[in-house]
């Protein structure tokens, strides 16, 4: 039986071996077609190991250029290659393998790239073989962490106090890197938030140009910090302001122009509910002796109560202009017949010079007001209660029931007062006197006639 089996196996042996070889080749072809060779590129930051061997020397490693970014590619069957991501590799540089005898020279540190999976099926081809470093003095500096918010709170809300805990960060590392750090921030998102919010975040380092500084060579005493944002209510308030003093003679204050006329403030609701406006004291805008517009810039924040602040901190300034205009003078004729005479005795009669029918009144006001002036709005009067009959020059009292207008000069008028009763008596006496003279003449004529006979 065994001989028959061996004879059967060895019969046509060459043909059978050829068949097996063909089958293997066919399998390889099929596999290669179904899962062909593939290539994939990677650039991954290098993790530095055993930095303490250098720190014990009072120094720290400083990477030259971008040599701490390992560039490599992998090859292998496509299904294994495409299955690999950056997180699937350990990329390290071990400082304990570096010769530290000459601290001033550049050091080459071997970069090791190790797959975490599929290592039997893929091959790693390194483009960056070494990381270059120099040894620098160790520097340490403390930074105040500045709170930053992103987003916009819910409608009717505003960001209040933002606090970082702890707010001090100690950073150590190569002096060339630490010296570039300009500020440290912690950011919290308040978008759509209507109540206080707290978060735990990673501090971020920036240089003077606002670029993020990130390096494995830096160490921070706080990997995470807490940040809290207080969300406050808002309210729009009207600004009220006035002026003090009077402008120079011949000038008039016409009002105030200021912008903005309203501002939005933030605070706790119980405080905002008591506020309706912001009043700027009148003494802030003094127009005493002004002959032109008085302009002023007012920092409104100083007039806000405690616990209330501006929503827009850049909107602190209010531009105020007190409008001062020069008055214009114009002469108007006031009929003397319209003068009200006071204190004239019933027996007296007052007349004006026949050649004077109107009084010239010089009225002063702003241009627009003088154009609208109505002489009929003037009231004029004279007081003659202490005057005896005869010619008199008296001052006319002018009244205009509008503060916009003023009479520039005093006005007087010449009057003539007569005693009507005295004139009647004189006329009677004159009449009697004439009658008496006629009788005497007749009597003389009779006497002369008698004497002749």
Protein backbone atom coordinates (compact mmCIF):
# COMPACT_ATOMS: atom_id res chain seq x y z
CA UNK A 1 0.00 0.00 0.00
CA UNK A 2 2.80 2.38 0.92
CA UNK A 3 4.66 1.57 -2.27
CA UNK A 4 1.59 2.29 -4.33
CA UNK A 5 1.16 5.62 -2.54
CA UNK A 6 4.81 6.62 -3.07
CA UNK A 7 4.62 5.53 -6.65
CA UNK A 8 1.53 7.67 -7.12
CA UNK A 9 3.21 10.72 -5.46
CA UNK A 10 6.44 10.40 -7.41
CA UNK A 11 4.75 9.75 -10.65
CA UNK A 12 5.05 12.90 -12.82
CA UNK A 13 6.88 14.70 -9.97
CA UNK A 14 8.09 17.55 -12.12
CA UNK A 15 4.62 18.30 -13.32
CA UNK A 16 3.28 18.28 -9.82
CA UNK A 17 6.03 20.65 -8.54
CA UNK A 18 5.32 22.97 -11.39
CA UNK A 19 1.65 22.97 -10.43
CA UNK A 20 2.49 23.89 -6.83
CA UNK A 21 4.81 26.67 -7.96
CA UNK A 22 2.15 28.01 -10.31
CA UNK A 23 -0.41 27.97 -7.49
CA UNK A 24 1.90 29.97 -5.21
CA UNK A 25 2.59 32.52 -7.92
CA UNK A 26 -1.09 32.77 -8.69
CA UNK A 27 -1.82 33.37 -5.03
CA UNK A 28 0.81 36.11 -4.88
CA UNK A 29 -0.64 37.76 -7.97
CA UNK A 30 -4.15 37.63 -6.56
CA UNK A 31 -3.01 39.00 -3.21
CA UNK A 32 -1.01 41.75 -4.87
CA UNK A 33 -3.96 42.75 -6.98
CA UNK A 34 -6.39 42.70 -4.07
CA UNK A 35 -3.98 44.34 -1.57
CA UNK A 36 -1.19 46.06 -3.50
CA UNK A 37 1.92 47.77 -2.03
CA UNK A 38 1.24 51.29 -0.72
CA UNK A 39 3.19 54.27 0.64
CA UNK A 40 2.20 56.89 3.24
CA UNK A 41 4.10 59.99 4.50
CA UNK A 42 4.20 61.30 8.05
CA UNK A 43 5.60 64.37 9.89
CA UNK A 44 5.39 63.88 13.64
CA UNK A 45 6.89 65.93 16.52
CA UNK A 46 9.66 64.16 18.39
CA UNK A 47 9.18 63.31 22.06
CA UNK A 48 12.38 64.07 23.94
CA UNK A 49 13.31 61.52 26.57
CA UNK A 50 15.62 61.77 29.60
CA UNK A 51 15.95 65.57 29.59
CA UNK A 52 17.04 65.36 33.23
CA UNK A 53 20.54 64.23 32.22
CA UNK A 54 21.06 67.70 30.75
CA UNK A 55 19.09 69.59 33.38
CA UNK A 56 21.39 68.18 36.03
CA UNK A 57 24.12 70.21 34.34
CA UNK A 58 22.04 73.38 34.81
CA UNK A 59 21.25 73.45 31.12
CA UNK A 60 18.39 72.58 28.83
CA UNK A 61 18.29 71.33 25.24
CA UNK A 62 17.38 73.75 22.49
CA UNK A 63 16.35 72.22 19.19
CA UNK A 64 18.03 73.57 16.08
CA UNK A 65 15.49 74.58 13.45
CA UNK A 66 12.69 72.11 12.81
CA UNK A 67 14.79 69.02 13.44
CA UNK A 68 12.39 67.97 16.20
CA UNK A 69 9.82 67.15 13.50
CA UNK A 70 10.42 63.62 12.22
CA UNK A 71 9.66 63.11 8.55
CA UNK A 72 9.30 59.50 7.37
CA UNK A 73 7.20 57.27 5.19
CA UNK A 74 6.01 53.71 5.44
CA UNK A 75 5.51 50.99 2.85
CA UNK A 76 3.59 47.76 2.94
CA UNK A 77 0.30 46.19 1.94
CA UNK A 78 -2.29 48.86 1.38
CA UNK A 79 -4.73 47.68 4.03
CA UNK A 80 -2.01 47.91 6.71
CA UNK A 81 -0.53 51.18 5.48
CA UNK A 82 -3.86 52.96 5.28
CA UNK A 83 -4.67 51.70 8.77
CA UNK A 84 -1.78 53.74 10.23
CA UNK A 85 -2.18 57.28 11.64
CA UNK A 86 0.21 59.63 13.45
CA UNK A 87 -0.96 58.32 16.83
CA UNK A 88 0.17 54.84 15.84
CA UNK A 89 3.88 55.69 16.11
CA UNK A 90 6.27 56.38 18.96
CA UNK A 91 8.74 59.02 17.75
CA UNK A 92 11.43 59.62 20.36
CA UNK A 93 14.90 61.04 20.86
CA UNK A 94 16.81 59.80 23.92
CA UNK A 95 19.15 62.43 25.38
CA UNK A 96 20.85 59.84 27.55
CA UNK A 97 22.57 58.57 24.40
CA UNK A 98 24.22 61.94 23.64
CA UNK A 99 27.86 62.78 24.23
CA UNK A 100 27.78 65.81 26.54
CA UNK A 101 31.49 66.33 26.95
CA UNK A 102 31.60 69.48 24.83
CA UNK A 103 28.62 71.63 25.74
CA UNK A 104 29.28 74.24 23.05
CA UNK A 105 28.88 71.94 20.08
CA UNK A 106 25.71 70.92 18.32
CA UNK A 107 24.58 67.48 19.33
CA UNK A 108 22.97 64.88 17.11
CA UNK A 109 20.32 62.78 18.80
CA UNK A 110 19.11 59.65 17.05
CA UNK A 111 15.37 59.69 16.25
CA UNK A 112 13.62 56.39 16.74
CA UNK A 113 10.34 55.72 14.94
CA UNK A 114 8.50 52.66 16.25
CA UNK A 115 5.09 51.51 15.01
CA UNK A 116 2.63 50.63 17.75
CA UNK A 117 0.89 48.12 15.47
CA UNK A 118 1.25 46.36 12.12
CA UNK A 119 5.02 46.38 12.61
CA UNK A 120 5.32 42.93 10.96
CA UNK A 121 3.70 44.16 7.75
CA UNK A 122 5.03 47.70 7.24
CA UNK A 123 8.50 49.13 6.79
CA UNK A 124 9.52 52.58 8.15
CA UNK A 125 11.80 54.72 5.96
CA UNK A 126 13.16 57.74 7.87
CA UNK A 127 13.90 61.00 6.11
CA UNK A 128 14.89 62.77 9.33
CA UNK A 129 17.38 60.56 11.10
CA UNK A 130 18.76 62.89 13.79
CA UNK A 131 17.49 65.76 15.86
CA UNK A 132 20.00 68.56 16.35
CA UNK A 133 20.25 70.29 19.69
CA UNK A 134 22.41 72.80 21.48
CA UNK A 135 22.73 73.17 25.22
CA UNK A 136 21.37 76.39 26.67
CA UNK A 137 21.19 77.90 30.09
CA UNK A 138 18.03 77.04 31.96
CA UNK A 139 15.67 80.03 32.36
CA UNK A 140 12.54 80.36 34.49
CA UNK A 141 10.01 83.17 34.48
CA UNK A 142 6.63 83.85 36.08
CA UNK A 143 3.70 85.15 34.05
CA UNK A 144 0.31 86.49 35.06
CA UNK A 145 -2.37 84.53 33.20
CA UNK A 146 -4.72 86.91 31.39
CA UNK A 147 -8.35 85.78 31.05
CA UNK A 148 -9.82 85.83 27.53
CA UNK A 149 -13.40 85.22 26.45
CA UNK A 150 -14.74 84.09 23.09
CA UNK A 151 -18.30 84.25 21.79
CA UNK A 152 -21.22 86.50 22.72
CA UNK A 153 -23.43 85.96 25.78
CA UNK A 154 -27.20 85.57 25.45
CA UNK A 155 -29.23 88.63 24.47
CA UNK A 156 -29.53 91.13 27.31
CA UNK A 157 -26.42 89.77 29.01
CA UNK A 158 -22.81 90.92 29.16
CA UNK A 159 -19.53 89.61 30.46
CA UNK A 160 -18.64 90.76 33.95
CA UNK A 161 -15.55 89.83 35.92
CA UNK A 162 -13.45 86.99 34.49
CA UNK A 163 -11.11 85.25 36.95
CA UNK A 164 -8.34 82.69 36.48
CA UNK A 165 -7.27 80.41 39.35
CA UNK A 166 -4.35 80.16 39.87
CA UNK A 167 -3.44 83.27 37.91
CA UNK A 168 0.36 82.89 38.05
CA UNK A 169 2.26 80.49 35.79
CA UNK A 170 5.93 79.52 36.15
CA UNK A 171 7.56 78.56 32.85
CA UNK A 172 11.04 77.05 32.59
CA UNK A 173 13.09 75.98 29.59
CA UNK A 174 15.75 77.22 27.20
CA UNK A 175 16.47 80.89 27.65
CA UNK A 176 16.04 81.54 23.92
CA UNK A 177 12.46 80.25 24.08
CA UNK A 178 11.44 81.59 27.50
CA UNK A 179 12.64 85.07 26.52
CA UNK A 180 10.20 85.08 23.57
CA UNK A 181 7.14 84.61 25.79
CA UNK A 182 5.22 87.88 25.90
CA UNK A 183 1.94 86.84 27.51
CA UNK A 184 -0.01 83.87 28.80
CA UNK A 185 -3.77 83.52 28.41
CA UNK A 186 -6.60 81.25 29.48
CA UNK A 187 -9.71 81.28 27.27
CA UNK A 188 -13.34 80.53 28.11
CA UNK A 189 -16.28 80.32 25.69
CA UNK A 190 -19.36 82.35 26.74
CA UNK A 191 -21.34 82.09 23.50
CA UNK A 192 -25.09 82.09 24.25
CA UNK A 193 -24.48 81.89 28.02
CA UNK A 194 -26.92 83.67 30.37
CA UNK A 195 -25.39 82.66 33.70
CA UNK A 196 -21.98 82.32 35.32
CA UNK A 197 -19.75 79.70 33.67
CA UNK A 198 -16.59 77.87 34.78
CA UNK A 199 -14.11 75.79 32.76
CA UNK A 200 -10.74 74.08 33.13
CA UNK A 201 -8.35 75.01 30.30
CA UNK A 202 -4.71 74.78 29.22
CA UNK A 203 -2.72 78.05 29.46
CA UNK A 204 -1.46 79.25 26.07
CA UNK A 205 1.86 81.05 25.54
CA UNK A 206 2.29 83.85 22.97
CA UNK A 207 5.16 85.90 21.61
CA UNK A 208 5.04 89.65 20.94
CA UNK A 209 3.54 89.12 17.48
CA UNK A 210 0.71 86.99 18.83
CA UNK A 211 2.09 83.68 17.64
CA UNK A 212 1.55 80.64 19.84
CA UNK A 213 4.71 79.27 21.45
CA UNK A 214 4.63 75.50 21.81
CA UNK A 215 7.63 73.38 22.68
CA UNK A 216 8.29 70.12 24.49
CA UNK A 217 11.35 71.82 25.93
CA UNK A 218 9.18 74.10 28.08
CA UNK A 219 7.80 73.05 31.42
CA UNK A 220 4.94 74.76 33.26
CA UNK A 221 4.04 74.40 36.92
CA UNK A 222 0.33 74.34 35.96
CA UNK A 223 -0.84 72.16 33.10
CA UNK A 224 -4.49 73.26 33.63
CA UNK A 225 -6.10 76.30 35.25
CA UNK A 226 -9.67 77.15 36.19
CA UNK A 227 -11.37 80.15 34.61
CA UNK A 228 -14.72 81.62 35.66
CA UNK A 229 -16.79 84.25 33.82
CA UNK A 230 -19.46 86.24 35.62
CA UNK A 231 -22.45 87.01 33.36
CA UNK A 232 -24.30 90.27 34.12
CA UNK A 233 -27.47 91.98 32.94
CA UNK A 234 -27.42 95.01 30.62
CA UNK A 235 -29.42 98.22 30.32
CA UNK A 236 -29.45 101.16 27.89
CA UNK A 237 -29.33 104.53 29.67
CA UNK A 238 -29.88 108.08 28.41
CA UNK A 239 -27.15 110.65 29.07
CA UNK A 240 -28.29 113.95 30.61
CA UNK A 241 -26.04 116.99 30.84
CA UNK A 242 -26.33 120.75 31.27
CA UNK A 243 -24.05 123.80 31.42
CA UNK A 244 -23.12 126.39 34.00
CA UNK A 245 -22.32 130.09 33.56
CA UNK A 246 -23.25 132.69 30.97
CA UNK A 247 -21.51 133.48 27.69
CA UNK A 248 -19.91 136.86 26.99
CA UNK A 249 -22.11 139.91 26.42
CA UNK A 250 -23.59 139.82 22.96
CA UNK A 251 -23.52 136.01 22.79
CA UNK A 252 -26.19 133.43 23.48
CA UNK A 253 -26.21 129.80 24.61
CA UNK A 254 -28.31 127.80 22.16
CA UNK A 255 -28.09 124.28 23.61
CA UNK A 256 -25.97 121.13 23.76
CA UNK A 257 -24.93 118.60 21.19
CA UNK A 258 -23.39 115.36 22.45
CA UNK A 259 -22.70 111.87 21.21
CA UNK A 260 -23.43 109.19 22.05
CA UNK A 261 -26.73 110.16 23.66
CA UNK A 262 -27.24 106.71 25.16
CA UNK A 263 -24.86 104.05 26.45
CA UNK A 264 -25.28 100.44 27.48
CA UNK A 265 -24.10 99.42 30.93
CA UNK A 266 -23.84 96.12 32.74
CA UNK A 267 -24.32 95.13 36.34
CA UNK A 268 -26.38 93.08 38.74
CA UNK A 269 -30.16 93.38 38.05
CA UNK A 270 -30.93 94.85 41.48
CA UNK A 271 -28.57 97.76 40.74
CA UNK A 272 -29.63 98.33 37.14
CA UNK A 273 -33.31 98.46 38.11
CA UNK A 274 -32.66 101.65 40.08
CA UNK A 275 -31.10 103.47 37.12
CA UNK A 276 -32.85 105.37 34.33
CA UNK A 277 -30.23 107.86 33.18
CA UNK A 278 -26.68 109.06 33.71
CA UNK A 279 -26.41 112.72 34.71
CA UNK A 280 -23.26 114.71 34.06
CA UNK A 281 -22.93 117.59 36.58
CA UNK A 282 -23.49 121.00 34.98
CA UNK A 283 -20.22 122.39 36.38
CA UNK A 284 -18.33 120.06 34.06
CA UNK A 285 -19.32 122.24 31.08
CA UNK A 286 -18.63 125.89 31.95
CA UNK A 287 -19.56 128.49 29.33
CA UNK A 288 -18.73 131.58 31.39
CA UNK A 289 -17.48 134.35 29.08
CA UNK A 290 -17.58 132.11 26.01
CA UNK A 291 -17.54 133.76 22.58
CA UNK A 292 -17.71 130.52 20.61
CA UNK A 293 -18.69 126.88 20.94
CA UNK A 294 -17.34 125.15 24.03
CA UNK A 295 -16.25 121.58 23.34
CA UNK A 296 -15.36 118.97 25.90
CA UNK A 297 -14.66 115.24 26.11
CA UNK A 298 -16.20 113.56 29.14
CA UNK A 299 -15.22 110.15 30.48
CA UNK A 300 -18.64 108.82 31.37
CA UNK A 301 -17.41 105.86 33.45
CA UNK A 302 -16.59 108.13 36.40
CA UNK A 303 -20.30 108.95 36.77
CA UNK A 304 -21.43 105.32 37.00
CA UNK A 305 -22.40 103.94 40.41
CA UNK A 306 -20.38 101.22 42.07
CA UNK A 307 -20.98 97.80 40.56
CA UNK A 308 -21.96 99.21 37.16
CA UNK A 309 -19.62 99.42 34.17
CA UNK A 310 -19.75 99.93 30.41
CA UNK A 311 -20.51 97.01 28.13
CA UNK A 312 -18.17 98.56 25.55
CA UNK A 313 -15.12 99.75 27.45
CA UNK A 314 -13.92 101.65 24.38
CA UNK A 315 -17.14 103.73 24.44
CA UNK A 316 -16.10 105.59 27.60
CA UNK A 317 -15.83 109.01 25.92
CA UNK A 318 -18.76 111.35 25.32
CA UNK A 319 -18.11 114.30 23.01
CA UNK A 320 -20.03 117.40 24.18
CA UNK A 321 -20.42 120.74 22.39
CA UNK A 322 -22.13 123.76 23.95
CA UNK A 323 -23.45 125.91 21.10
CA UNK A 324 -22.64 129.63 21.53
CA UNK A 325 -23.83 132.09 18.87
CA UNK A 326 -23.26 135.80 18.50
CA UNK A 327 -26.39 137.90 18.79
CA UNK A 328 -27.49 140.24 15.99
CA UNK A 329 -28.88 143.75 16.54
CA UNK A 330 -31.70 145.31 14.56
CA UNK A 331 -33.70 148.54 14.93
CA UNK A 332 -37.49 148.31 15.10
CA UNK A 333 -39.96 151.24 15.24
CA UNK A 334 -42.43 151.17 18.12
CA UNK A 335 -45.45 153.53 17.74
CA UNK A 336 -45.60 156.11 20.54
CA UNK A 337 -49.37 155.77 20.45
CA UNK A 338 -48.91 152.28 21.92
CA UNK A 339 -47.01 153.53 24.98
CA UNK A 340 -48.95 152.86 28.17
CA UNK A 341 -49.04 155.99 30.36
CA UNK A 342 -49.17 155.36 34.11
CA UNK A 343 -49.91 157.83 36.92
CA UNK A 344 -51.32 160.66 34.80
CA UNK A 345 -53.80 162.81 36.77
CA UNK A 346 -57.31 163.06 35.41
CA UNK A 347 -56.94 166.82 35.08
CA UNK A 348 -53.71 166.46 33.13
CA UNK A 349 -53.30 165.96 29.44
CA UNK A 350 -50.17 164.33 27.90
CA UNK A 351 -49.00 164.80 24.36
CA UNK A 352 -45.87 163.80 22.40
CA UNK A 353 -43.80 165.84 20.07
CA UNK A 354 -45.79 166.09 16.86
CA UNK A 355 -42.72 165.13 14.86
CA UNK A 356 -42.22 161.85 16.80
CA UNK A 357 -44.58 159.05 15.82
CA UNK A 358 -42.42 156.05 16.75
CA UNK A 359 -39.55 155.09 19.04
CA UNK A 360 -36.47 153.34 17.57
CA UNK A 361 -35.87 150.14 19.58
CA UNK A 362 -32.57 148.28 19.10
CA UNK A 363 -33.31 144.59 19.70
CA UNK A 364 -30.58 141.94 20.01
CA UNK A 365 -30.97 138.19 19.57
CA UNK A 366 -29.61 135.32 17.53
CA UNK A 367 -29.94 135.60 13.76
CA UNK A 368 -32.85 133.18 13.51
CA UNK A 369 -34.65 134.78 16.44
CA UNK A 370 -34.15 138.33 15.23
CA UNK A 371 -35.59 137.34 11.87
CA UNK A 372 -38.69 136.07 13.64
CA UNK A 373 -39.11 139.09 15.94
CA UNK A 374 -42.58 140.69 16.11
CA UNK A 375 -42.71 144.31 17.28
CA UNK A 376 -46.25 143.62 18.47
CA UNK A 377 -44.79 141.52 21.30
CA UNK A 378 -43.25 144.64 22.87
CA UNK A 379 -44.90 146.38 25.82
CA UNK A 380 -43.84 149.95 26.59
CA UNK A 381 -44.83 152.23 29.45
CA UNK A 382 -43.93 155.53 31.11
CA UNK A 383 -44.62 156.64 34.71
CA UNK A 384 -45.63 160.32 35.06
CA UNK A 385 -47.29 160.31 38.48
CA UNK A 386 -44.72 162.69 39.97
CA UNK A 387 -44.48 165.03 36.99
CA UNK A 388 -45.96 168.53 36.93
CA UNK A 389 -47.27 170.25 33.83
CA UNK A 390 -44.58 171.20 31.36
CA UNK A 391 -42.08 169.61 29.00
CA UNK A 392 -40.32 166.45 30.22
CA UNK A 393 -38.01 163.78 28.87
CA UNK A 394 -38.89 160.44 30.46
CA UNK A 395 -37.45 156.93 30.15
CA UNK A 396 -39.63 154.34 28.49
CA UNK A 397 -39.88 151.00 30.25
CA UNK A 398 -39.65 148.25 27.60
CA UNK A 399 -40.85 144.70 28.32
CA UNK A 400 -40.50 141.72 25.97
CA UNK A 401 -41.98 138.48 27.29
CA UNK A 402 -39.26 136.32 25.77
CA UNK A 403 -35.78 135.78 27.17
CA UNK A 404 -34.38 135.38 23.67
CA UNK A 405 -34.60 139.11 23.09
CA UNK A 406 -32.98 142.06 24.81
CA UNK A 407 -33.18 145.83 24.34
CA UNK A 408 -29.66 147.10 23.77
CA UNK A 409 -30.10 150.77 24.76
CA UNK A 410 -32.33 152.77 27.09
CA UNK A 411 -35.18 154.52 25.32
CA UNK A 412 -36.62 157.94 26.29
CA UNK A 413 -39.35 160.16 24.91
CA UNK A 414 -40.23 163.84 25.21
CA UNK A 415 -43.70 164.61 26.54
CA UNK A 416 -45.74 167.69 27.26
CA UNK A 417 -48.12 167.70 30.24
CA UNK A 418 -50.87 170.29 30.49
CA UNK A 419 -53.28 171.01 33.33
CA UNK A 420 -56.69 171.06 31.70
CA UNK A 421 -58.42 172.70 34.74
CA UNK A 422 -55.84 175.48 35.02
CA UNK A 423 -56.19 176.29 31.34
CA UNK A 424 -59.98 176.45 31.65
CA UNK A 425 -59.67 178.88 34.59
CA UNK A 426 -57.23 181.04 32.69
CA UNK A 427 -59.58 181.20 29.77
CA UNK A 428 -62.41 182.25 32.09
CA UNK A 429 -60.28 184.91 33.76
CA UNK A 430 -59.21 186.26 30.43
CA UNK A 431 -62.84 186.46 29.34
CA UNK A 432 -63.88 188.36 32.49
CA UNK A 433 -60.96 190.67 32.14
CA UNK A 434 -62.00 191.60 28.65
CA UNK A 435 -65.58 192.28 29.82
CA UNK A 436 -64.36 194.53 32.65
CA UNK A 437 -62.27 196.74 30.38
CA UNK A 438 -65.30 197.55 28.13
CA UNK A 439 -67.37 198.81 31.10
CA UNK A 440 -64.65 201.16 32.26
CA UNK A 441 -64.37 202.68 28.79
CA UNK A 442 -68.03 203.35 28.61
CA UNK A 443 -67.92 204.89 32.03
CA UNK A 444 -65.09 207.19 30.97
CA UNK A 445 -67.01 208.17 27.85
CA UNK A 446 -70.02 209.14 29.97
CA UNK A 447 -67.86 211.11 32.35
CA UNK A 448 -66.23 212.96 29.51
CA UNK A 449 -69.65 213.75 28.00
CA UNK A 450 -70.98 215.14 31.28
CA UNK A 451 -67.93 217.27 31.79
CA UNK A 452 -68.42 218.82 28.39
CA UNK A 453 -71.91 219.99 29.10
